[in-house]
Amino acid sequence: MITTSSFPRCRSVCSPQRRLPLFPTATYQDRRRGLRAAMGNATVLLCGHQAVPRNYPANVFPFRQNSHVLYYCGVSRADVALVLTAGEEILFGPPEHIDDVVWHGPHETLDQAAAKAGIGTVRDIADLGDWLTSAGGDLSYLPPYQTNVLNWLSTLLRKPPADVAGGGSEPLARAICDQRSRKTDDEIAEIEDALAVTHDMHVASMRATRPGVRESEVAAVVQQVALAHDRAQSYNPIITVRGEVLHNNHYGNLLGAGQLLLNDSGAESPMFYASDITRTCPVNGTYDERQRAIYDVVLKSQLDAIAAIKPGVLYRDVHLVSAHVIAAGLISLGVMRGDPDAAVAAGAHALFFPHGVGHMLGLDVHDMEDLGDVVGYAPGEARSDQFGLSYLRLARPLESGNVVTVEPGIYFIPALIDRWRAEDQHADFIDYDAAESYKDFGGVRIEDDVLCTDSGSRVLGPVIPKTADEIEAVMAT
C-alpha cells in the first residue's frame, strides 16, 4: 500500500540549471530599512507562497513567489516568511532535506539565499509560531489571498480564518505601496527586459495570424517565444477573435477573414517584473474601412492619454482623456450623438469603453492589486459608482517613477447593447440602430507600458508595431 509519507514532498526550490539574478544586496537592505522605519515598533510578517497542488499533492502548479517577498529579499522558494522588527530581520524557512536534492537537484541553501539579501538570521519555519508568541506586541501582516496561506496563517496566529482575512494592516499596505509605486532605474530596466521579449511575442503573433488558424495556434506561438527566452508569461494571455470579451482565456475559435484578433500578452523578466501589451490585428492582413476607422479612434485615444501623463495629474483624468476621444470618435462615426463632454459625464461612452484605461505595473501585472484600493486611490478617495468608471483601478495623482499601462478600447458587446437598449439607457447619446450593426465587430484594444517621468512620460521598451499601417506591414512579411 502507498501511504501519504511515500510521496515526495512538494517543495519548490530553484533548480541547479536556473540561478536567478538578484539586485545588489544593498538594494534589498535599503528597501527593508525603509519599511522598518515606516512601521516603527511593529513586527512585520511577510508570508511567501506555498506550492499549490494541481490535482494531487506532488503535481503542483508552476511556483511563483509572493511579490512582496521578492521585493524585500528576492528569495524565490516556497514556505518562507520574512519577519522585520525595529532591530531585527529574520528569514524563516524549511530546513534542508535530502529529498529536495533527490527530486529537484542541488540548489542554493536558505542561508545562502538570505546572505545574498543581507539577512543575517535564518530560522526553521516550524519555529515561527512560537517566535511570534514570544515577541508579542503589534503584529502587522497583509491579508492573504491564497487559501492555503490563509489557513496556515490562521493556525500560526491561532485565529479563525475570517479574522485573519480581515486583520491585514492598512498602514503596512500603504507603506509597501509607497515604496513599490516608484520604480528605480534598475526596476525600469527589468520591465524593459520583459518588453524586449514581449515585442518578439507580438510580432510572431501577427505573422502567425491568418484565416483558418485557431486561436490556440497563435497562443502556442506566443508561448513558444516566451519559453525560447526562458521566460514565464506574466499572466494568462488573452488571444481571441472575441475581443469584446474583456478577459477571454478561451482559445478554441477558428480565425476567419474579416475578423480582428486581439492579443493581450506579456512576459516576466528574470527578476519577475511584468510587461503587459495589447495589439489588435486584422485576420486577413488588412483592416477594412470600418475596422480601420474604429482602430484609429482607439489609437488616438491612447496617444492622447499617454501625452497627458505627467507628475501631479490624476490618473482618473488620463482615463477621461481617452473616454472623451472615444466618445467624439464614435459620434463622428454615427454610433453616438450629441456633445462628447456631456456623453462622458453621463457615462454613455461606457457602453463601448466599459473599463479603466490602465493600472500600475511592476512585479505584478496589476501591481500590488492584492493590497486593494490603497494602490490606486489616495486616502479618503473612493471609486466612482458609475458603470465603467467604477472599474478604474488607478485614479490617484501620478508621481515620477510610476509605471502604468495605457489601454483604451472600443468593444461592441451584444448582451450589453441589448440590455441598455431595453432599458432605454442614454438614448440621447447612443444611436442603437447603428450600434446593432456593429454586433459582429468584436473589439479593439491598444496597450503600452508607460513611465511617468519628471517632465512627462515615456513609452517603455522597443517599439512594437502599433499603427494600422505598421501592423499590416508586419503581417505582410
Protein backbone atom coordinates (compact mmCIF):
# COMPACT_ATOMS: atom_id res chain seq x y z
CA MET A 1 0.00 0.00 0.00
CA ILE A 2 1.21 3.50 -0.83
CA THR A 3 0.93 5.83 2.14
CA THR A 4 0.96 9.60 2.15
CA SER A 5 4.51 9.59 3.51
CA SER A 6 5.63 7.73 0.39
CA PHE A 7 5.05 10.75 -1.83
CA PRO A 8 7.91 13.16 -2.47
CA ARG A 9 7.48 16.48 -0.71
CA CYS A 10 6.20 19.26 -2.99
CA ARG A 11 8.56 21.97 -2.01
CA SER A 12 9.51 24.34 -4.78
CA VAL A 13 13.20 25.20 -4.91
CA CYS A 14 15.41 26.69 -7.60
CA SER A 15 16.90 24.08 -9.89
CA PRO A 16 20.69 23.99 -10.36
CA GLN A 17 20.17 24.95 -14.00
CA ARG A 18 18.48 28.24 -13.13
CA ARG A 19 20.28 30.63 -10.83
CA LEU A 20 18.00 33.59 -10.50
CA PRO A 21 19.67 37.01 -10.73
CA LEU A 22 19.25 39.45 -7.89
CA PHE A 23 19.62 43.16 -7.31
CA PRO A 24 22.68 44.19 -5.27
CA THR A 25 22.47 43.22 -1.59
CA ALA A 26 22.30 46.89 -0.61
CA THR A 27 19.09 47.30 -2.64
CA TYR A 28 17.21 44.77 -0.51
CA GLN A 29 18.73 46.17 2.68
CA ASP A 30 17.64 49.69 1.78
CA ARG A 31 14.11 48.51 0.96
CA ARG A 32 13.77 46.71 4.29
CA ARG A 33 15.28 49.63 6.17
CA GLY A 34 12.70 51.94 4.63
CA LEU A 35 9.83 49.62 5.53
CA ARG A 36 11.04 49.17 9.09
CA ALA A 37 11.32 52.93 9.52
CA ALA A 38 7.78 53.42 8.20
CA MET A 39 6.36 50.76 10.53
CA GLY A 40 8.07 51.93 13.74
CA ASN A 41 7.89 49.36 16.54
CA ALA A 42 5.52 47.00 14.74
CA THR A 43 6.57 43.46 13.87
CA VAL A 44 6.12 42.96 10.12
CA LEU A 45 5.32 39.48 8.80
CA LEU A 46 5.52 38.88 5.05
CA CYS A 47 4.38 35.39 4.07
CA GLY A 48 5.78 33.69 0.99
CA HIS A 49 3.76 31.42 -1.23
CA GLN A 50 3.40 27.69 -0.86
CA ALA A 51 3.48 25.06 -3.59
CA VAL A 52 -0.11 24.70 -4.80
CA PRO A 53 -1.27 21.19 -5.83
CA ARG A 54 -2.92 20.97 -9.23
CA ASN A 55 -4.80 17.69 -8.86
CA TYR A 56 -2.77 15.71 -6.29
CA PRO A 57 -0.11 16.74 -3.77
CA ALA A 58 3.03 16.05 -5.81
CA ASN A 59 1.70 17.61 -9.04
CA VAL A 60 1.93 21.33 -8.42
CA PHE A 61 1.33 24.47 -10.44
CA PRO A 62 4.49 26.33 -11.52
CA PHE A 63 5.74 28.17 -8.46
CA ARG A 64 5.64 31.97 -8.39
CA GLN A 65 6.75 33.74 -5.23
CA ASN A 66 4.73 36.43 -3.47
CA SER A 67 5.83 39.73 -4.99
CA HIS A 68 6.30 41.50 -1.65
CA VAL A 69 8.73 38.79 -0.53
CA LEU A 70 10.56 39.14 -3.85
CA TYR A 71 10.75 42.91 -3.42
CA TYR A 72 12.22 42.82 0.08
CA CYS A 73 14.57 39.83 -0.14
CA GLY A 74 14.48 38.26 -3.63
CA VAL A 75 14.03 34.73 -2.26
CA SER A 76 12.07 32.64 -4.77
CA ARG A 77 11.27 29.42 -2.91
CA ALA A 78 8.20 28.05 -1.19
CA ASP A 79 7.29 28.06 2.50
CA VAL A 80 9.35 31.05 3.62
CA ALA A 81 8.39 34.04 5.74
CA LEU A 82 10.22 37.31 6.30
CA VAL A 83 9.95 38.95 9.73
CA LEU A 84 11.09 42.52 10.33
CA THR A 85 11.21 44.34 13.66
CA ALA A 86 12.72 47.67 14.66
CA GLY A 87 16.03 45.94 15.32
CA GLU A 88 15.95 42.51 13.68
CA GLU A 89 15.48 40.78 10.32
CA ILE A 90 14.78 37.03 10.17
CA LEU A 91 14.12 34.74 7.24
CA PHE A 92 12.12 31.67 8.27
CA GLY A 93 12.04 28.63 6.02
CA PRO A 94 12.07 24.84 5.96
CA PRO A 95 15.31 23.04 6.83
CA GLU A 96 17.31 21.44 4.05
CA HIS A 97 16.32 17.84 3.28
CA ILE A 98 17.96 15.24 1.07
CA ASP A 99 14.60 14.66 -0.66
CA ASP A 100 14.89 18.15 -2.14
CA VAL A 101 18.20 17.25 -3.76
CA VAL A 102 16.93 13.87 -4.98
CA TRP A 103 13.84 15.32 -6.65
CA HIS A 104 14.98 18.81 -7.61
CA GLY A 105 18.77 18.63 -7.76
CA PRO A 106 21.41 20.65 -5.89
CA HIS A 107 20.22 24.11 -5.00
CA GLU A 108 21.12 27.19 -3.06
CA THR A 109 20.57 26.80 0.68
CA LEU A 110 18.29 29.14 2.58
CA ASP A 111 21.32 30.54 4.43
CA GLN A 112 22.97 31.35 1.11
CA ALA A 113 19.82 32.99 -0.22
CA ALA A 114 19.46 35.04 2.96
CA ALA A 115 23.08 36.17 2.80
CA LYS A 116 22.62 37.49 -0.75
CA ALA A 117 19.75 39.63 0.55
CA GLY A 118 21.79 40.82 3.53
CA ILE A 119 19.72 38.92 6.10
CA GLY A 120 21.89 37.55 8.90
CA THR A 121 19.42 35.35 10.76
CA VAL A 122 17.73 32.23 9.37
CA ARG A 123 15.37 30.04 11.39
CA ASP A 124 13.21 26.98 10.87
CA ILE A 125 9.71 27.85 9.67
CA ALA A 126 8.38 25.45 12.32
CA ASP A 127 9.60 27.91 14.97
CA LEU A 128 7.73 30.91 13.59
CA GLY A 129 4.57 30.48 15.66
CA ASP A 130 6.45 30.27 18.95
CA TRP A 131 8.68 33.18 17.92
CA LEU A 132 5.68 35.40 17.21
CA THR A 133 4.06 34.43 20.51
CA SER A 134 7.20 35.27 22.47
CA ALA A 135 7.73 38.51 20.56
CA GLY A 136 4.25 39.81 21.40
CA GLY A 137 3.49 43.42 20.55
CA ASP A 138 1.88 44.78 17.41
CA LEU A 139 1.96 42.30 14.51
CA SER A 140 1.37 43.70 11.02
CA TYR A 141 0.70 41.43 8.05
CA LEU A 142 -1.02 41.63 4.68
CA PRO A 143 -4.35 39.86 4.11
CA PRO A 144 -3.52 36.55 2.38
CA TYR A 145 -5.17 35.87 -0.97
CA GLN A 146 -4.13 32.22 -1.28
CA THR A 147 -6.37 29.87 0.70
CA ASN A 148 -3.51 27.64 1.79
CA VAL A 149 -1.55 30.62 3.12
CA LEU A 150 -4.68 31.91 4.85
CA ASN A 151 -5.20 28.57 6.59
CA TRP A 152 -1.53 28.35 7.55
CA LEU A 153 -1.59 31.87 8.96
CA SER A 154 -4.81 31.05 10.82
CA THR A 155 -3.08 28.13 12.53
CA LEU A 156 0.04 30.18 13.17
CA LEU A 157 -1.85 33.07 14.80
CA ARG A 158 -4.42 30.82 16.48
CA LYS A 159 -7.27 32.82 14.95
CA PRO A 160 -10.24 31.84 12.74
CA PRO A 161 -9.56 32.30 9.02
CA ALA A 162 -12.20 35.04 8.78
CA ASP A 163 -10.44 37.04 11.49
CA VAL A 164 -7.08 36.60 9.77
CA ALA A 165 -8.51 37.64 6.39
CA GLY A 166 -9.94 40.81 7.92
CA GLY A 167 -6.92 41.59 10.06
CA GLY A 168 -4.50 42.86 7.46
CA SER A 169 -2.65 46.06 8.31
CA GLU A 170 -3.59 49.11 6.25
CA PRO A 171 -0.52 51.07 7.46
CA LEU A 172 1.67 48.21 6.23
CA ALA A 173 -0.15 48.12 2.90
CA ARG A 174 0.29 51.87 2.46
CA ALA A 175 3.98 51.75 3.43
CA ILE A 176 4.65 48.98 0.89
CA CYS A 177 2.64 50.78 -1.77
CA ASP A 178 4.63 53.96 -1.17
CA GLN A 179 7.90 52.10 -1.81
CA ARG A 180 6.86 49.84 -4.68
CA SER A 181 4.93 52.51 -6.63
CA ARG A 182 8.05 54.49 -7.53
CA LYS A 183 10.30 52.38 -9.72
CA THR A 184 14.07 52.73 -9.66
CA ASP A 185 16.23 52.70 -12.78
CA ASP A 186 17.09 49.04 -12.10
CA GLU A 187 13.40 48.13 -11.93
CA ILE A 188 12.64 50.01 -15.13
CA ALA A 189 15.46 48.08 -16.82
CA GLU A 190 13.79 44.83 -15.72
CA ILE A 191 10.44 45.91 -17.17
CA GLU A 192 12.14 46.87 -20.42
CA ASP A 193 13.87 43.49 -20.47
CA ALA A 194 10.45 41.84 -20.26
CA LEU A 195 9.20 44.16 -23.00
CA ALA A 196 12.00 43.11 -25.36
CA VAL A 197 10.68 39.54 -25.20
CA THR A 198 7.11 40.79 -25.43
CA HIS A 199 7.98 42.62 -28.65
CA ASP A 200 9.00 39.31 -30.20
CA MET A 201 5.86 37.61 -28.85
CA HIS A 202 3.59 40.14 -30.51
CA VAL A 203 5.43 40.29 -33.82
CA ALA A 204 5.38 36.47 -34.01
CA SER A 205 1.66 36.54 -33.21
CA MET A 206 0.96 39.00 -36.03
CA ARG A 207 2.86 36.86 -38.52
CA ALA A 208 1.02 33.71 -37.39
CA THR A 209 -2.42 35.30 -37.76
CA ARG A 210 -4.36 34.32 -40.88
CA PRO A 211 -7.70 32.77 -41.84
CA GLY A 212 -8.07 29.10 -40.96
CA VAL A 213 -5.71 29.20 -37.97
CA ARG A 214 -7.06 28.54 -34.48
CA GLU A 215 -6.61 30.94 -31.59
CA SER A 216 -4.79 28.13 -29.79
CA GLU A 217 -2.17 28.01 -32.56
CA VAL A 218 -1.45 31.72 -32.18
CA ALA A 219 -1.36 31.31 -28.39
CA ALA A 220 1.16 28.49 -28.85
CA VAL A 221 3.38 30.77 -30.95
CA VAL A 222 3.27 33.43 -28.23
CA GLN A 223 4.15 30.89 -25.54
CA GLN A 224 6.93 29.41 -27.68
CA VAL A 225 8.64 32.79 -27.93
CA ALA A 226 8.48 33.26 -24.15
CA LEU A 227 9.81 29.76 -23.48
CA ALA A 228 12.59 30.18 -26.03
CA HIS A 229 13.78 33.14 -23.94
CA ASP A 230 13.40 31.07 -20.73
CA ARG A 231 10.65 33.40 -19.54
CA ALA A 232 7.30 32.89 -17.95
CA GLN A 233 4.31 34.79 -19.25
CA SER A 234 3.26 37.48 -16.79
CA TYR A 235 -0.41 36.43 -16.90
CA ASN A 236 -2.70 34.14 -18.86
CA PRO A 237 -2.73 35.72 -22.33
CA ILE A 238 -5.93 36.89 -24.00
CA ILE A 239 -5.71 35.87 -27.66
CA THR A 240 -9.12 35.91 -29.27
CA VAL A 241 -11.34 36.98 -32.13
CA ARG A 242 -13.95 37.66 -29.43
CA GLY A 243 -12.28 40.89 -28.46
CA GLU A 244 -15.49 42.18 -26.91
CA VAL A 245 -14.98 39.62 -24.10
CA LEU A 246 -12.58 41.62 -21.97
CA HIS A 247 -10.79 38.75 -20.21
CA ASN A 248 -11.31 35.86 -22.60
CA ASN A 249 -8.90 32.96 -21.89
CA HIS A 250 -10.59 30.52 -24.30
CA TYR A 251 -8.56 29.67 -27.40
CA GLY A 252 -10.94 27.46 -29.38
CA ASN A 253 -12.17 29.77 -32.12
CA LEU A 254 -11.16 29.46 -35.77
CA LEU A 255 -9.86 32.71 -37.26
CA GLY A 256 -11.90 33.93 -40.20
CA ALA A 257 -11.34 36.60 -42.85
CA GLY A 258 -12.92 39.88 -41.79
CA GLN A 259 -12.32 39.29 -38.08
CA LEU A 260 -9.95 41.05 -35.70
CA LEU A 261 -7.59 39.15 -33.40
CA LEU A 262 -6.89 40.78 -30.04
CA ASN A 263 -3.62 39.75 -28.37
CA ASP A 264 -3.16 40.87 -24.75
CA SER A 265 0.01 39.18 -23.50
CA GLY A 266 3.27 39.83 -21.69
CA ALA A 267 6.39 38.26 -20.25
CA GLU A 268 8.28 38.35 -16.97
CA SER A 269 11.88 39.50 -16.64
CA PRO A 270 14.48 37.27 -14.94
CA MET A 271 13.63 39.04 -11.67
CA PHE A 272 9.88 38.65 -12.21
CA TYR A 273 8.95 42.15 -13.40
CA ALA A 274 5.98 42.13 -15.76
CA SER A 275 5.12 43.55 -19.14
CA ASP A 276 1.56 43.97 -20.41
CA ILE A 277 0.93 44.77 -24.08
CA THR A 278 -2.16 44.58 -26.30
CA ARG A 279 -2.39 44.77 -30.06
CA THR A 280 -5.38 44.09 -32.32
CA CYS A 281 -4.70 42.92 -35.87
CA PRO A 282 -6.85 42.00 -38.89
CA VAL A 283 -7.04 38.26 -39.52
CA ASN A 284 -6.73 38.61 -43.29
CA GLY A 285 -3.79 41.02 -43.06
CA THR A 286 -5.55 44.31 -43.85
CA TYR A 287 -8.11 46.35 -41.94
CA ASP A 288 -11.34 47.02 -43.77
CA GLU A 289 -12.75 50.55 -43.76
CA ARG A 290 -14.92 50.03 -40.69
CA GLN A 291 -12.17 48.30 -38.73
CA ARG A 292 -9.59 50.97 -39.53
CA ALA A 293 -11.99 53.74 -38.53
CA ILE A 294 -12.59 52.20 -35.09
CA TYR A 295 -8.91 51.30 -34.73
CA ASP A 296 -7.79 54.85 -35.43
CA VAL A 297 -10.18 56.23 -32.80
CA VAL A 298 -8.72 53.86 -30.19
CA LEU A 299 -5.18 54.73 -31.26
CA LYS A 300 -5.82 58.48 -30.93
CA SER A 301 -7.41 57.94 -27.52
CA GLN A 302 -4.30 56.05 -26.40
CA LEU A 303 -1.80 58.55 -27.78
CA ASP A 304 -3.67 61.48 -26.23
CA ALA A 305 -3.81 59.70 -22.87
CA ILE A 306 -0.06 58.99 -22.95
CA ALA A 307 0.59 62.64 -23.77
CA ALA A 308 -1.46 63.68 -20.72
CA ILE A 309 0.71 61.74 -18.27
CA LYS A 310 2.98 63.79 -16.01
CA PRO A 311 3.56 64.17 -12.27
CA GLY A 312 0.58 65.56 -10.38
CA VAL A 313 -2.02 64.61 -12.98
CA LEU A 314 -4.85 62.45 -11.67
CA TYR A 315 -4.89 59.15 -13.49
CA ARG A 316 -8.68 59.47 -13.47
CA ASP A 317 -8.21 62.50 -15.72
CA VAL A 318 -5.96 60.46 -18.05
CA HIS A 319 -8.81 57.95 -18.27
CA LEU A 320 -11.25 60.74 -19.09
CA VAL A 321 -8.98 61.99 -21.89
CA SER A 322 -9.33 58.58 -23.54
CA ALA A 323 -13.05 58.47 -22.85
CA HIS A 324 -13.58 61.88 -24.49
CA VAL A 325 -11.66 60.88 -27.64
CA ILE A 326 -13.64 57.64 -27.88
CA ALA A 327 -16.97 59.44 -27.47
CA ALA A 328 -16.03 62.08 -30.05
CA GLY A 329 -14.83 59.41 -32.46
CA LEU A 330 -17.98 57.33 -32.13
CA ILE A 331 -20.08 60.46 -32.63
CA SER A 332 -18.21 61.17 -35.86
CA LEU A 333 -18.93 57.59 -36.99
CA GLY A 334 -22.63 57.91 -36.17
CA VAL A 335 -22.66 55.33 -33.37
CA MET A 336 -23.08 58.01 -30.70
CA ARG A 337 -24.52 61.50 -30.91
CA GLY A 338 -24.67 64.77 -29.03
CA ASP A 339 -21.91 66.55 -27.14
CA PRO A 340 -18.93 64.32 -26.23
CA ASP A 341 -18.30 66.08 -22.92
CA ALA A 342 -21.91 65.59 -21.88
CA ALA A 343 -21.86 61.98 -23.07
CA VAL A 344 -18.77 61.18 -20.99
CA ALA A 345 -20.14 62.99 -17.94
CA ALA A 346 -23.30 60.89 -18.20
CA GLY A 347 -21.30 57.68 -18.70
CA ALA A 348 -22.87 56.89 -22.08
CA HIS A 349 -19.49 56.10 -23.66
CA ALA A 350 -19.07 53.19 -21.23
CA LEU A 351 -21.35 51.05 -23.41
CA PHE A 352 -18.34 50.86 -25.72
CA PHE A 353 -15.47 51.51 -23.25
CA PRO A 354 -16.55 49.77 -20.04
CA HIS A 355 -13.21 49.53 -18.19
CA GLY A 356 -10.49 51.74 -16.79
CA VAL A 357 -7.70 52.99 -19.02
CA GLY A 358 -4.93 51.32 -17.05
CA HIS A 359 -3.24 50.23 -13.84
CA MET A 360 0.11 50.16 -12.08
CA LEU A 361 2.72 47.73 -13.44
CA GLY A 362 5.73 46.17 -11.72
CA LEU A 363 6.38 42.84 -10.02
CA ASP A 364 2.69 42.16 -10.59
CA VAL A 365 0.99 42.80 -13.89
CA HIS A 366 -1.70 44.57 -11.86
CA ASP A 367 0.90 45.84 -9.45
CA MET A 368 0.07 45.27 -5.77
CA GLU A 369 -3.57 44.62 -6.56
CA ASP A 370 -3.67 42.28 -3.54
CA LEU A 371 -3.46 45.44 -1.40
CA GLY A 372 -6.78 46.72 -2.72
CA ASP A 373 -7.60 50.34 -3.47
CA VAL A 374 -4.78 51.75 -1.32
CA VAL A 375 -2.73 51.33 -4.52
CA GLY A 376 -4.97 53.20 -6.91
CA TYR A 377 -6.80 55.69 -4.71
CA ALA A 378 -5.50 58.35 -2.34
CA PRO A 379 -6.57 58.27 1.33
CA GLY A 380 -10.19 59.36 1.64
CA GLU A 381 -10.83 58.82 -2.06
CA ALA A 382 -13.32 56.18 -3.23
CA ARG A 383 -14.22 54.58 -6.53
CA SER A 384 -16.99 56.06 -8.60
CA ASP A 385 -20.24 54.11 -8.68
CA GLN A 386 -20.76 54.99 -12.37
CA PHE A 387 -20.66 51.99 -14.72
CA GLY A 388 -17.29 51.83 -16.44
CA LEU A 389 -15.60 54.41 -14.25
CA SER A 390 -16.14 52.10 -11.28
CA TYR A 391 -13.67 49.65 -12.86
CA LEU A 392 -10.86 52.21 -12.88
CA ARG A 393 -8.05 50.58 -10.87
CA LEU A 394 -5.92 53.73 -10.70
CA ALA A 395 -7.22 57.24 -10.09
CA ARG A 396 -4.69 58.93 -7.81
CA PRO A 397 -2.16 61.66 -8.75
CA LEU A 398 0.78 60.32 -10.73
CA GLU A 399 4.36 60.56 -9.49
CA SER A 400 7.68 60.37 -11.28
CA GLY A 401 8.71 56.72 -11.28
CA ASN A 402 5.20 55.31 -11.62
CA VAL A 403 4.87 52.74 -14.39
CA VAL A 404 1.34 52.39 -15.72
CA THR A 405 -0.47 50.73 -18.57
CA VAL A 406 -2.46 52.81 -21.03
CA GLU A 407 -5.01 50.55 -22.69
CA PRO A 408 -8.20 52.13 -24.02
CA GLY A 409 -10.54 50.11 -26.19
CA ILE A 410 -13.80 50.08 -28.09
CA TYR A 411 -15.98 46.99 -27.75
CA PHE A 412 -19.37 46.03 -29.14
CA ILE A 413 -20.82 43.66 -26.55
CA PRO A 414 -24.14 42.30 -27.88
CA ALA A 415 -25.62 41.44 -24.48
CA LEU A 416 -24.76 44.88 -23.09
CA ILE A 417 -26.16 46.67 -26.15
CA ASP A 418 -29.39 44.66 -25.82
CA ARG A 419 -29.71 45.42 -22.13
CA TRP A 420 -29.06 49.14 -22.42
CA ARG A 421 -31.45 49.41 -25.36
CA ALA A 422 -34.19 47.54 -23.49
CA GLU A 423 -33.70 49.88 -20.52
CA ASP A 424 -33.53 52.94 -22.81
CA GLN A 425 -30.24 53.97 -21.23
CA HIS A 426 -28.60 57.12 -22.60
CA ALA A 427 -30.77 57.15 -25.72
CA ASP A 428 -29.92 60.84 -26.13
CA PHE A 429 -26.29 59.87 -26.76
CA ILE A 430 -26.44 56.41 -28.40
CA ASP A 431 -27.79 55.51 -31.83
CA TYR A 432 -28.87 51.97 -31.02
CA ASP A 433 -29.69 51.14 -34.64
CA ALA A 434 -26.10 51.97 -35.57
CA ALA A 435 -24.76 50.06 -32.56
CA GLU A 436 -26.77 47.00 -33.65
CA SER A 437 -24.91 46.97 -36.95
CA TYR A 438 -21.61 46.53 -35.08
CA LYS A 439 -22.66 43.50 -33.02
CA ASP A 440 -20.42 41.24 -35.13
CA PHE A 441 -17.41 43.56 -34.81
CA GLY A 442 -15.72 42.28 -31.64
CA GLY A 443 -13.37 44.73 -30.01
CA VAL A 444 -10.17 46.76 -30.34
CA ARG A 445 -7.74 47.42 -27.52
CA ILE A 446 -4.28 49.02 -27.76
CA GLU A 447 -1.96 48.91 -24.75
CA ASP A 448 1.54 50.09 -23.88
CA ASP A 449 3.55 50.32 -20.67
CA VAL A 450 4.41 53.91 -19.80
CA LEU A 451 6.80 55.53 -17.32
CA CYS A 452 5.81 58.80 -15.67
CA THR A 453 8.98 60.93 -15.81
CA ASP A 454 9.90 64.20 -14.11
CA SER A 455 8.57 66.16 -17.09
CA GLY A 456 6.06 63.87 -18.81
CA SER A 457 6.03 60.27 -19.96
CA ARG A 458 7.99 57.67 -21.90
CA VAL A 459 6.67 54.52 -23.55
CA LEU A 460 8.91 51.72 -22.29
CA GLY A 461 10.60 49.01 -24.31
CA PRO A 462 11.25 48.60 -28.02
CA VAL A 463 8.67 49.93 -30.46
CA ILE A 464 6.03 47.27 -31.01
CA PRO A 465 4.12 47.82 -34.28
CA LYS A 466 1.02 49.79 -33.37
CA THR A 467 -0.45 51.89 -36.17
CA ALA A 468 -2.70 50.14 -38.67
CA ASP A 469 -0.08 50.60 -41.39
CA GLU A 470 2.72 49.21 -39.21
CA ILE A 471 0.72 46.11 -38.28
CA GLU A 472 -0.29 45.46 -41.88
CA ALA A 473 3.37 45.75 -42.92
CA VAL A 474 4.45 43.14 -40.35
CA MET A 475 1.66 40.78 -41.36
CA ALA A 476 2.74 41.05 -44.99
CA THR A 477 6.24 39.70 -44.21
